[in-house]
Amino acid sequence: MDKKRIEELLKDVKAGTLPIAAALESLRGLPYEEIGYAKLDTHRSLRNGFPEVVFCQGKTPEQAAQIVKKLAEHHEKIIATRVAPDIADAISALVPEATYYPVARILIADKTRADKPAAAKADKYIMVLTGGTADIPVAEEAAITAETMGSIVERSYDVGVAGLHRLLSQKDKIMRANVLVVVAGMEGALPSIVGGLVSRPVIAVPTSIGYGANFGGLSALLAMLNSCASGVVVVNIDNGFGAGYFAHLVNK
């Protein structure tokens, strides 16, 4: 249950249109709801400002669908990550407002989408960059996460160090961004380049894209952790969600 719904609940009790017993029943699920195979944190949006996010990898379609359905009963927005097509179908059957983004493997249940206002100033945006086209799924996970939370996101993909002129052609947008998410595999050099250009925070995301010595993203991760550019922080390999979530916190 989010802050807005609790405020409405208290107003109804104060106005006498909702009995106290009914209000207590609505609050019974705090701080979590037990459904056997999961304990749903319905209190998280009050603590952290955004509801619990569902990591679907490893869950059955039925489990993921029921978890998203239950959370959607308490919150206006739900994010599900690492969503395979069969899980997306199962969730969509129970949650009609769900939208699936197959490239990012992310699903958004947003009851406010139809009348959603601009949530942020147009001059206060997150810039998401990728080294290559193969990094786009991780970048889209970051971008869609940040947009769902309320940030404006600009994208520029395939601007890696193998052709630095492509990155420099985006310099104006890059320099105006409030925070940047830089996604790269291979040798993971792009965040250091961007970090040396801007005065804003850079969130580096290593991906598992690369040949054998990339070690599934480990070489990119170590390169980013050893960046000589100031203002660069690093999230885990392929963790677009974590980058997008943190970028929104910085942006707001």
C-alpha atoms as a PDB file:
ATOM      1  CA  MET A   1       0.000   0.000   0.000  1.00  0.00           C
ATOM      2  CA  ASP A   2       1.512   3.326  -1.048  1.00  0.00           C
ATOM      3  CA  LYS A   3       1.372   6.727   0.638  1.00  0.00           C
ATOM      4  CA  LYS A   4      -1.406   8.028  -1.612  1.00  0.00           C
ATOM      5  CA  ARG A   5      -3.743   5.139  -0.813  1.00  0.00           C
ATOM      6  CA  ILE A   6      -3.142   5.435   2.929  1.00  0.00           C
ATOM      7  CA  GLU A   7      -3.870   9.180   2.771  1.00  0.00           C
ATOM      8  CA  GLU A   8      -7.142   8.446   0.956  1.00  0.00           C
ATOM      9  CA  LEU A   9      -7.971   5.794   3.549  1.00  0.00           C
ATOM     10  CA  LEU A  10      -7.420   8.204   6.442  1.00  0.00           C
ATOM     11  CA  LYS A  11      -9.472  10.910   4.736  1.00  0.00           C
ATOM     12  CA  ASP A  12     -12.367   8.472   4.293  1.00  0.00           C
ATOM     13  CA  VAL A  13     -12.197   7.516   7.980  1.00  0.00           C
ATOM     14  CA  LYS A  14     -12.125  11.185   8.997  1.00  0.00           C
ATOM     15  CA  ALA A  15     -15.084  11.958   6.730  1.00  0.00           C
ATOM     16  CA  GLY A  16     -17.041   9.059   8.197  1.00  0.00           C
ATOM     17  CA  THR A  17     -17.465   7.272   4.866  1.00  0.00           C
ATOM     18  CA  LEU A  18     -15.258   4.349   5.893  1.00  0.00           C
ATOM     19  CA  PRO A  19     -15.702   2.444   9.158  1.00  0.00           C
ATOM     20  CA  ILE A  20     -12.627   2.024  11.331  1.00  0.00           C
ATOM     21  CA  ALA A  21     -12.963  -1.775  11.135  1.00  0.00           C
ATOM     22  CA  ALA A  22     -12.840  -1.629   7.328  1.00  0.00           C
ATOM     23  CA  ALA A  23      -9.796   0.630   7.436  1.00  0.00           C
ATOM     24  CA  LEU A  24      -8.024  -1.782   9.791  1.00  0.00           C
ATOM     25  CA  GLU A  25      -8.822  -4.652   7.425  1.00  0.00           C
ATOM     26  CA  SER A  26      -7.247  -2.696   4.537  1.00  0.00           C
ATOM     27  CA  LEU A  27      -4.098  -2.157   6.600  1.00  0.00           C
ATOM     28  CA  ARG A  28      -3.933  -5.776   7.753  1.00  0.00           C
ATOM     29  CA  GLY A  29      -1.359  -6.656   5.082  1.00  0.00           C
ATOM     30  CA  LEU A  30       1.256  -4.296   6.487  1.00  0.00           C
ATOM     31  CA  PRO A  31       4.173  -4.800   6.603  1.00  0.00           C
ATOM     32  CA  TYR A  32       3.958  -7.890   4.338  1.00  0.00           C
ATOM     33  CA  GLU A  33       1.491 -10.382   2.937  1.00  0.00           C
ATOM     34  CA  GLU A  34       2.168 -14.116   3.164  1.00  0.00           C
ATOM     35  CA  ILE A  35       1.163 -16.192   0.112  1.00  0.00           C
ATOM     36  CA  GLY A  36       3.027 -19.419   0.891  1.00  0.00           C
ATOM     37  CA  TYR A  37       5.931 -19.292  -1.575  1.00  0.00           C
ATOM     38  CA  ALA A  38       6.547 -15.547  -1.087  1.00  0.00           C
ATOM     39  CA  LYS A  39       6.256 -12.812   1.521  1.00  0.00           C
ATOM     40  CA  LEU A  40       5.189  -9.668  -0.333  1.00  0.00           C
ATOM     41  CA  ASP A  41       6.568  -6.434   1.083  1.00  0.00           C
ATOM     42  CA  THR A  42       3.552  -4.142   0.818  1.00  0.00           C
ATOM     43  CA  HIS A  43       5.242  -1.562   3.065  1.00  0.00           C
ATOM     44  CA  ARG A  44       8.254  -0.883   0.840  1.00  0.00           C
ATOM     45  CA  SER A  45       6.799   2.106  -1.021  1.00  0.00           C
ATOM     46  CA  LEU A  46       6.261   3.900   2.305  1.00  0.00           C
ATOM     47  CA  ARG A  47       9.876   3.271   3.322  1.00  0.00           C
ATOM     48  CA  ASN A  48      11.659   3.657  -0.005  1.00  0.00           C
ATOM     49  CA  GLY A  49       9.265   5.617  -2.216  1.00  0.00           C
ATOM     50  CA  PHE A  50       8.630   2.794  -4.706  1.00  0.00           C
ATOM     51  CA  PRO A  51       6.949  -0.629  -4.379  1.00  0.00           C
ATOM     52  CA  GLU A  52       8.721  -3.956  -4.265  1.00  0.00           C
ATOM     53  CA  VAL A  53      10.102  -5.031  -7.656  1.00  0.00           C
ATOM     54  CA  VAL A  54       9.575  -8.630  -8.780  1.00  0.00           C
ATOM     55  CA  PHE A  55      12.609 -10.568 -10.027  1.00  0.00           C
ATOM     56  CA  CYS A  56      10.996 -13.287 -12.163  1.00  0.00           C
ATOM     57  CA  GLN A  57      14.000 -15.405 -13.140  1.00  0.00           C
ATOM     58  CA  GLY A  58      13.731 -18.758 -11.371  1.00  0.00           C
ATOM     59  CA  LYS A  59      10.034 -18.366 -10.578  1.00  0.00           C
ATOM     60  CA  THR A  60       7.335 -20.369 -12.320  1.00  0.00           C
ATOM     61  CA  PRO A  61       4.896 -18.433 -14.532  1.00  0.00           C
ATOM     62  CA  GLU A  62       2.137 -19.093 -11.988  1.00  0.00           C
ATOM     63  CA  GLN A  63       4.230 -17.818  -9.067  1.00  0.00           C
ATOM     64  CA  ALA A  64       5.324 -14.667 -10.900  1.00  0.00           C
ATOM     65  CA  ALA A  65       1.783 -13.919 -12.073  1.00  0.00           C
ATOM     66  CA  GLN A  66       0.269 -14.290  -8.616  1.00  0.00           C
ATOM     67  CA  ILE A  67       2.979 -12.141  -7.021  1.00  0.00           C
ATOM     68  CA  VAL A  68       2.496  -9.317  -9.539  1.00  0.00           C
ATOM     69  CA  LYS A  69      -1.289  -9.592  -9.223  1.00  0.00           C
ATOM     70  CA  LYS A  70      -1.156  -9.331  -5.432  1.00  0.00           C
ATOM     71  CA  LEU A  71       1.251  -6.390  -5.488  1.00  0.00           C
ATOM     72  CA  ALA A  72      -0.900  -4.636  -8.107  1.00  0.00           C
ATOM     73  CA  GLU A  73      -3.809  -4.795  -5.659  1.00  0.00           C
ATOM     74  CA  HIS A  74      -1.809  -2.572  -3.309  1.00  0.00           C
ATOM     75  CA  HIS A  75       0.106  -0.301  -5.698  1.00  0.00           C
ATOM     76  CA  GLU A  76      -0.467   1.711  -8.874  1.00  0.00           C
ATOM     77  CA  LYS A  77       2.883   0.752 -10.436  1.00  0.00           C
ATOM     78  CA  ILE A  78       4.718  -2.565 -10.407  1.00  0.00           C
ATOM     79  CA  ILE A  79       7.977  -3.486 -12.148  1.00  0.00           C
ATOM     80  CA  ALA A  80       8.854  -7.102 -12.956  1.00  0.00           C
ATOM     81  CA  THR A  81      12.351  -7.883 -14.273  1.00  0.00           C
ATOM     82  CA  ARG A  82      13.954 -10.829 -16.112  1.00  0.00           C
ATOM     83  CA  VAL A  83      10.570 -11.722 -17.542  1.00  0.00           C
ATOM     84  CA  ALA A  84      10.534 -14.561 -20.096  1.00  0.00           C
ATOM     85  CA  PRO A  85       7.718 -14.574 -22.698  1.00  0.00           C
ATOM     86  CA  ASP A  86       5.768 -17.383 -20.984  1.00  0.00           C
ATOM     87  CA  ILE A  87       5.896 -15.504 -17.678  1.00  0.00           C
ATOM     88  CA  ALA A  88       4.764 -12.305 -19.423  1.00  0.00           C
ATOM     89  CA  ASP A  89       1.763 -14.171 -20.859  1.00  0.00           C
ATOM     90  CA  ALA A  90       0.833 -15.535 -17.418  1.00  0.00           C
ATOM     91  CA  ILE A  91       1.072 -12.095 -15.779  1.00  0.00           C
ATOM     92  CA  SER A  92      -0.853 -10.353 -18.557  1.00  0.00           C
ATOM     93  CA  ALA A  93      -3.708 -12.857 -18.160  1.00  0.00           C
ATOM     94  CA  LEU A  94      -4.162 -11.742 -14.535  1.00  0.00           C
ATOM     95  CA  VAL A  95      -3.078  -8.095 -14.722  1.00  0.00           C
ATOM     96  CA  PRO A  96      -4.733  -6.339 -17.692  1.00  0.00           C
ATOM     97  CA  GLU A  97      -2.714  -3.119 -17.295  1.00  0.00           C
ATOM     98  CA  ALA A  98       0.572  -4.994 -17.771  1.00  0.00           C
ATOM     99  CA  THR A  99       2.865  -3.986 -20.647  1.00  0.00           C
ATOM    100  CA  TYR A 100       5.721  -6.271 -21.691  1.00  0.00           C
ATOM    101  CA  TYR A 101       9.010  -5.028 -23.177  1.00  0.00           C
ATOM    102  CA  PRO A 102      10.644  -8.160 -24.637  1.00  0.00           C
ATOM    103  CA  VAL A 103      14.010  -6.582 -25.506  1.00  0.00           C
ATOM    104  CA  ALA A 104      14.515  -5.430 -21.920  1.00  0.00           C
ATOM    105  CA  ARG A 105      12.763  -8.526 -20.500  1.00  0.00           C
ATOM    106  CA  ILE A 106      10.834  -6.165 -18.251  1.00  0.00           C
ATOM    107  CA  LEU A 107       7.111  -5.894 -17.539  1.00  0.00           C
ATOM    108  CA  ILE A 108       5.345  -2.813 -16.175  1.00  0.00           C
ATOM    109  CA  ALA A 109       1.909  -2.819 -14.559  1.00  0.00           C
ATOM    110  CA  ASP A 110       0.924   0.844 -14.461  1.00  0.00           C
ATOM    111  CA  LYS A 111      -2.638   1.871 -13.624  1.00  0.00           C
ATOM    112  CA  THR A 112      -1.736   5.544 -14.150  1.00  0.00           C
ATOM    113  CA  ARG A 113      -0.298   5.160 -17.660  1.00  0.00           C
ATOM    114  CA  ALA A 114      -3.356   6.511 -19.490  1.00  0.00           C
ATOM    115  CA  ASP A 115      -3.384   9.833 -17.665  1.00  0.00           C
ATOM    116  CA  LYS A 116       0.230  10.035 -16.551  1.00  0.00           C
ATOM    117  CA  PRO A 117       1.536  13.634 -16.435  1.00  0.00           C
ATOM    118  CA  ALA A 118       5.111  14.637 -17.153  1.00  0.00           C
ATOM    119  CA  ALA A 119       6.799  13.669 -13.904  1.00  0.00           C
ATOM    120  CA  ALA A 120      10.025  15.592 -14.275  1.00  0.00           C
ATOM    121  CA  LYS A 121      11.404  18.765 -15.800  1.00  0.00           C
ATOM    122  CA  ALA A 122      12.414  18.342 -19.434  1.00  0.00           C
ATOM    123  CA  ASP A 123      15.849  19.818 -18.694  1.00  0.00           C
ATOM    124  CA  LYS A 124      16.492  17.295 -15.923  1.00  0.00           C
ATOM    125  CA  TYR A 125      17.008  13.961 -17.638  1.00  0.00           C
ATOM    126  CA  ILE A 126      18.958  10.723 -17.497  1.00  0.00           C
ATOM    127  CA  MET A 127      21.126   9.844 -20.507  1.00  0.00           C
ATOM    128  CA  VAL A 128      21.538   6.134 -21.279  1.00  0.00           C
ATOM    129  CA  LEU A 129      24.445   5.185 -23.555  1.00  0.00           C
ATOM    130  CA  THR A 130      25.683   1.846 -24.861  1.00  0.00           C
ATOM    131  CA  GLY A 131      28.980   0.783 -26.306  1.00  0.00           C
ATOM    132  CA  GLY A 132      27.326  -1.493 -28.867  1.00  0.00           C
ATOM    133  CA  THR A 133      24.004  -2.687 -30.198  1.00  0.00           C
ATOM    134  CA  ALA A 134      24.313  -5.965 -28.268  1.00  0.00           C
ATOM    135  CA  ASP A 135      24.252  -3.966 -25.009  1.00  0.00           C
ATOM    136  CA  ILE A 136      20.798  -2.517 -25.739  1.00  0.00           C
ATOM    137  CA  PRO A 137      18.746  -5.082 -23.726  1.00  0.00           C
ATOM    138  CA  VAL A 138      20.554  -4.116 -20.508  1.00  0.00           C
ATOM    139  CA  ALA A 139      20.324  -0.422 -21.385  1.00  0.00           C
ATOM    140  CA  GLU A 140      16.591  -0.679 -22.063  1.00  0.00           C
ATOM    141  CA  GLU A 141      16.080  -2.366 -18.704  1.00  0.00           C
ATOM    142  CA  ALA A 142      17.732   0.677 -17.103  1.00  0.00           C
ATOM    143  CA  ALA A 143      15.858   3.208 -19.227  1.00  0.00           C
ATOM    144  CA  ILE A 144      12.395   1.693 -18.743  1.00  0.00           C
ATOM    145  CA  THR A 145      12.975   1.318 -15.003  1.00  0.00           C
ATOM    146  CA  ALA A 146      13.900   4.989 -14.642  1.00  0.00           C
ATOM    147  CA  GLU A 147      10.992   6.125 -16.836  1.00  0.00           C
ATOM    148  CA  THR A 148       8.510   4.067 -14.836  1.00  0.00           C
ATOM    149  CA  MET A 149       9.768   5.643 -11.621  1.00  0.00           C
ATOM    150  CA  GLY A 150       9.167   9.102 -13.080  1.00  0.00           C
ATOM    151  CA  SER A 151      12.371  10.291 -14.772  1.00  0.00           C
ATOM    152  CA  ILE A 152      12.780  11.556 -18.319  1.00  0.00           C
ATOM    153  CA  VAL A 153      15.288   9.405 -20.236  1.00  0.00           C
ATOM    154  CA  GLU A 154      17.279  10.154 -23.387  1.00  0.00           C
ATOM    155  CA  ARG A 155      18.961   7.309 -25.251  1.00  0.00           C
ATOM    156  CA  SER A 156      22.008   7.061 -27.514  1.00  0.00           C
ATOM    157  CA  TYR A 157      23.087   3.560 -28.491  1.00  0.00           C
ATOM    158  CA  ASP A 158      26.114   2.087 -30.270  1.00  0.00           C
ATOM    159  CA  VAL A 159      28.517   4.917 -29.427  1.00  0.00           C
ATOM    160  CA  GLY A 160      31.430   2.814 -28.197  1.00  0.00           C
ATOM    161  CA  VAL A 161      35.156   3.504 -28.231  1.00  0.00           C
ATOM    162  CA  ALA A 162      35.697   1.595 -31.495  1.00  0.00           C
ATOM    163  CA  GLY A 163      34.383   4.742 -33.202  1.00  0.00           C
ATOM    164  CA  LEU A 164      34.798   7.648 -30.801  1.00  0.00           C
ATOM    165  CA  HIS A 165      33.361  10.175 -33.269  1.00  0.00           C
ATOM    166  CA  ARG A 166      29.940   8.576 -32.720  1.00  0.00           C
ATOM    167  CA  LEU A 167      30.094   9.433 -29.013  1.00  0.00           C
ATOM    168  CA  LEU A 168      31.384  12.964 -29.607  1.00  0.00           C
ATOM    169  CA  SER A 169      28.514  13.654 -32.008  1.00  0.00           C
ATOM    170  CA  GLN A 170      26.199  13.287 -28.959  1.00  0.00           C
ATOM    171  CA  LYS A 171      28.280  15.646 -26.816  1.00  0.00           C
ATOM    172  CA  ASP A 172      25.604  18.333 -26.349  1.00  0.00           C
ATOM    173  CA  LYS A 173      23.020  15.879 -25.000  1.00  0.00           C
ATOM    174  CA  ILE A 174      25.636  14.157 -22.872  1.00  0.00           C
ATOM    175  CA  MET A 175      26.855  17.390 -21.296  1.00  0.00           C
ATOM    176  CA  ARG A 176      23.314  18.512 -20.405  1.00  0.00           C
ATOM    177  CA  ALA A 177      22.283  15.236 -18.749  1.00  0.00           C
ATOM    178  CA  ASN A 178      21.716  15.238 -14.996  1.00  0.00           C
ATOM    179  CA  VAL A 179      23.069  11.702 -14.598  1.00  0.00           C
ATOM    180  CA  LEU A 180      24.365   9.173 -17.129  1.00  0.00           C
ATOM    181  CA  VAL A 181      24.021   5.403 -17.335  1.00  0.00           C
ATOM    182  CA  VAL A 182      26.796   3.953 -19.493  1.00  0.00           C
ATOM    183  CA  VAL A 183      26.404   0.329 -20.565  1.00  0.00           C
ATOM    184  CA  ALA A 184      29.272  -1.575 -22.188  1.00  0.00           C
ATOM    185  CA  GLY A 185      30.726  -5.042 -22.619  1.00  0.00           C
ATOM    186  CA  MET A 186      34.007  -6.098 -24.249  1.00  0.00           C
ATOM    187  CA  GLU A 187      36.790  -4.141 -22.486  1.00  0.00           C
ATOM    188  CA  GLY A 188      34.334  -1.831 -20.687  1.00  0.00           C
ATOM    189  CA  ALA A 189      36.149   1.419 -21.528  1.00  0.00           C
ATOM    190  CA  LEU A 190      33.183   3.663 -22.379  1.00  0.00           C
ATOM    191  CA  PRO A 191      32.308   4.826 -18.819  1.00  0.00           C
ATOM    192  CA  SER A 192      35.838   6.133 -18.313  1.00  0.00           C
ATOM    193  CA  ILE A 193      35.615   8.153 -21.535  1.00  0.00           C
ATOM    194  CA  VAL A 194      32.246   9.605 -20.553  1.00  0.00           C
ATOM    195  CA  GLY A 195      33.391  10.216 -16.983  1.00  0.00           C
ATOM    196  CA  GLY A 196      36.263  12.298 -18.315  1.00  0.00           C
ATOM    197  CA  LEU A 197      33.873  14.515 -20.289  1.00  0.00           C
ATOM    198  CA  VAL A 198      31.125  15.361 -17.795  1.00  0.00           C
ATOM    199  CA  SER A 199      30.675  16.909 -14.362  1.00  0.00           C
ATOM    200  CA  ARG A 200      27.665  14.712 -13.574  1.00  0.00           C
ATOM    201  CA  PRO A 201      27.463  11.244 -11.930  1.00  0.00           C
ATOM    202  CA  VAL A 202      28.155   8.302 -14.241  1.00  0.00           C
ATOM    203  CA  ILE A 203      26.678   4.886 -13.456  1.00  0.00           C
ATOM    204  CA  ALA A 204      28.669   2.211 -15.271  1.00  0.00           C
ATOM    205  CA  VAL A 205      26.996  -1.076 -16.218  1.00  0.00           C
ATOM    206  CA  PRO A 206      29.234  -3.920 -17.414  1.00  0.00           C
ATOM    207  CA  THR A 207      27.553  -6.453 -19.690  1.00  0.00           C
ATOM    208  CA  SER A 208      28.349 -10.078 -20.418  1.00  0.00           C
ATOM    209  CA  ILE A 209      28.856  -9.263 -24.110  1.00  0.00           C
ATOM    210  CA  GLY A 210      32.316 -10.217 -25.386  1.00  0.00           C
ATOM    211  CA  TYR A 211      34.687 -12.970 -26.466  1.00  0.00           C
ATOM    212  CA  GLY A 212      36.270 -15.577 -24.188  1.00  0.00           C
ATOM    213  CA  ALA A 213      38.636 -13.329 -22.244  1.00  0.00           C
ATOM    214  CA  ASN A 214      35.663 -11.134 -21.390  1.00  0.00           C
ATOM    215  CA  PHE A 215      34.766 -13.918 -18.908  1.00  0.00           C
ATOM    216  CA  GLY A 216      31.037 -13.231 -19.081  1.00  0.00           C
ATOM    217  CA  GLY A 217      31.448  -9.558 -18.236  1.00  0.00           C
ATOM    218  CA  LEU A 218      34.122  -9.904 -15.554  1.00  0.00           C
ATOM    219  CA  SER A 219      36.764  -8.051 -17.578  1.00  0.00           C
ATOM    220  CA  ALA A 220      34.370  -5.148 -18.190  1.00  0.00           C
ATOM    221  CA  LEU A 221      33.413  -5.091 -14.497  1.00  0.00           C
ATOM    222  CA  LEU A 222      37.047  -4.945 -13.362  1.00  0.00           C
ATOM    223  CA  ALA A 223      37.888  -2.270 -15.939  1.00  0.00           C
ATOM    224  CA  MET A 224      35.014  -0.089 -14.724  1.00  0.00           C
ATOM    225  CA  LEU A 225      35.928  -0.596 -11.072  1.00  0.00           C
ATOM    226  CA  ASN A 226      39.470   0.512 -11.935  1.00  0.00           C
ATOM    227  CA  SER A 227      38.351   3.582 -13.892  1.00  0.00           C
ATOM    228  CA  CYS A 228      40.658   6.570 -13.536  1.00  0.00           C
ATOM    229  CA  ALA A 229      37.760   8.965 -14.192  1.00  0.00           C
ATOM    230  CA  SER A 230      36.230  10.652 -11.155  1.00  0.00           C
ATOM    231  CA  GLY A 231      32.508  10.344 -10.463  1.00  0.00           C
ATOM    232  CA  VAL A 232      32.041   6.841 -11.893  1.00  0.00           C
ATOM    233  CA  VAL A 233      30.216   4.201  -9.847  1.00  0.00           C
ATOM    234  CA  VAL A 234      29.637   0.611 -10.966  1.00  0.00           C
ATOM    235  CA  VAL A 235      26.743  -1.844 -10.650  1.00  0.00           C
ATOM    236  CA  ASN A 236      26.790  -5.588 -11.188  1.00  0.00           C
ATOM    237  CA  ILE A 237      27.141  -7.320 -14.562  1.00  0.00           C
ATOM    238  CA  ASP A 238      23.975  -6.933 -16.710  1.00  0.00           C
ATOM    239  CA  ASN A 239      22.195  -5.108 -13.859  1.00  0.00           C
ATOM    240  CA  GLY A 240      20.281  -2.566 -15.918  1.00  0.00           C
ATOM    241  CA  PHE A 241      17.515  -2.467 -13.331  1.00  0.00           C
ATOM    242  CA  GLY A 242      19.880  -1.485 -10.525  1.00  0.00           C
ATOM    243  CA  ALA A 243      21.422   1.243 -12.671  1.00  0.00           C
ATOM    244  CA  GLY A 244      18.048   2.648 -13.717  1.00  0.00           C
ATOM    245  CA  TYR A 245      16.704   2.642 -10.171  1.00  0.00           C
ATOM    246  CA  PHE A 246      19.760   4.406  -8.762  1.00  0.00           C
ATOM    247  CA  ALA A 247      19.865   6.862 -11.669  1.00  0.00           C
ATOM    248  CA  HIS A 248      16.304   7.907 -10.856  1.00  0.00           C
ATOM    249  CA  LEU A 249      17.187   8.449  -7.191  1.00  0.00           C
ATOM    250  CA  VAL A 250      20.083  10.690  -8.245  1.00  0.00           C
ATOM    251  CA  ASN A 251      17.986  12.487 -10.868  1.00  0.00           C
ATOM    252  CA  LYS A 252      15.105  13.378  -8.577  1.00  0.00           C
END
